[in-house]
């Protein structure tokens, strides 16, 4: 399990806090998704497309040491919602 305890230096996306997850913005195009205890659940990456920004959600698979793409979304909140399950 990957647990990080230095999240206080980044911006937290507040909508995730009510669902038991938090999104910490690492830079303009990358957010880390964590549980309240600091366990890393995955990441959301933003990319520019001709139609606008897209958000790719990727779940972190600890035992396999890789990421599983969950989906691409038009809204950050939609990408974040898939980590609640």
Protein backbone atom coordinates (compact mmCIF):
# COMPACT_ATOMS: atom_id res chain seq x y z
CA UNK A 1 0.00 0.00 0.00
CA UNK A 2 1.27 3.43 -0.89
CA UNK A 3 0.50 6.04 1.77
CA UNK A 4 1.57 9.65 1.56
CA UNK A 5 1.58 12.03 4.51
CA UNK A 6 2.77 15.28 2.90
CA UNK A 7 -0.46 16.24 1.17
CA UNK A 8 -0.73 19.58 2.95
CA UNK A 9 1.37 21.36 0.31
CA UNK A 10 -1.11 20.78 -2.53
CA UNK A 11 -4.63 21.90 -3.37
CA UNK A 12 -7.34 19.41 -2.37
CA UNK A 13 -10.40 19.09 -4.57
CA UNK A 14 -13.16 19.40 -1.98
CA UNK A 15 -15.93 17.52 -3.81
CA UNK A 16 -14.20 14.23 -3.14
CA UNK A 17 -14.00 14.71 0.60
CA UNK A 18 -17.70 13.93 1.13
CA UNK A 19 -17.39 10.62 -0.72
CA UNK A 20 -14.45 9.32 1.33
CA UNK A 21 -11.75 10.29 -1.18
CA UNK A 22 -9.66 13.38 -1.73
CA UNK A 23 -8.03 14.66 -4.89
CA UNK A 24 -4.76 16.46 -4.43
CA UNK A 25 -3.72 18.58 -7.40
CA UNK A 26 -0.04 17.94 -8.10
CA UNK A 27 0.19 20.34 -11.03
CA UNK A 28 -2.12 21.85 -13.65
CA UNK A 29 -2.86 18.54 -15.39
CA UNK A 30 -2.47 15.87 -12.68
CA UNK A 31 -4.41 14.96 -9.53
CA UNK A 32 -3.68 12.19 -7.02
CA UNK A 33 -6.72 10.39 -5.57
CA UNK A 34 -6.35 9.24 -1.95
CA UNK A 35 -8.41 7.77 0.86
CA UNK A 36 -8.66 9.71 4.17
CA UNK A 37 -5.75 7.70 5.63
CA UNK A 38 -3.44 8.73 2.79
CA UNK A 39 -3.66 5.51 0.72
CA UNK A 40 -3.21 6.29 -2.96
CA UNK A 41 -6.15 5.00 -5.02
CA UNK A 42 -5.17 6.40 -8.41
CA UNK A 43 -4.61 9.46 -10.56
CA UNK A 44 -6.56 11.71 -12.91
CA UNK A 45 -4.73 13.29 -15.85
CA UNK A 46 -6.06 16.17 -17.93
CA UNK A 47 -5.28 16.44 -21.63
CA UNK A 48 -6.24 18.96 -24.28
CA UNK A 49 -8.23 17.78 -27.30
CA UNK A 50 -9.73 19.73 -30.21
CA UNK A 51 -13.13 19.43 -28.48
CA UNK A 52 -11.88 20.59 -25.05
CA UNK A 53 -10.22 19.11 -21.99
CA UNK A 54 -10.54 15.39 -21.24
CA UNK A 55 -9.87 13.73 -17.88
CA UNK A 56 -8.45 10.19 -17.75
CA UNK A 57 -8.97 8.26 -14.53
CA UNK A 58 -6.44 5.52 -13.72
CA UNK A 59 -6.73 3.18 -10.73
CA UNK A 60 -3.50 2.16 -9.05
CA UNK A 61 -3.07 -1.63 -8.75
CA UNK A 62 -0.68 -1.99 -5.81
CA UNK A 63 0.17 -5.68 -6.14
CA UNK A 64 0.79 -5.50 -9.87
CA UNK A 65 2.60 -2.14 -9.68
CA UNK A 66 0.70 -0.68 -12.60
CA UNK A 67 -2.27 1.51 -13.47
CA UNK A 68 -5.60 0.38 -14.88
CA UNK A 69 -7.30 2.98 -17.07
CA UNK A 70 -10.91 3.38 -15.88
CA UNK A 71 -12.17 5.84 -18.46
CA UNK A 72 -12.05 9.24 -20.12
CA UNK A 73 -14.44 11.98 -19.03
CA UNK A 74 -15.34 15.53 -20.03
CA UNK A 75 -15.67 16.70 -16.39
CA UNK A 76 -13.20 16.36 -13.50
CA UNK A 77 -16.02 15.49 -11.09
CA UNK A 78 -17.11 12.59 -13.31
CA UNK A 79 -13.56 11.21 -13.39
CA UNK A 80 -13.37 11.50 -9.61
CA UNK A 81 -16.71 9.74 -9.06
CA UNK A 82 -15.43 6.47 -10.51
CA UNK A 83 -13.01 6.10 -7.57
CA UNK A 84 -15.83 5.93 -5.02
CA UNK A 85 -16.51 2.28 -5.91
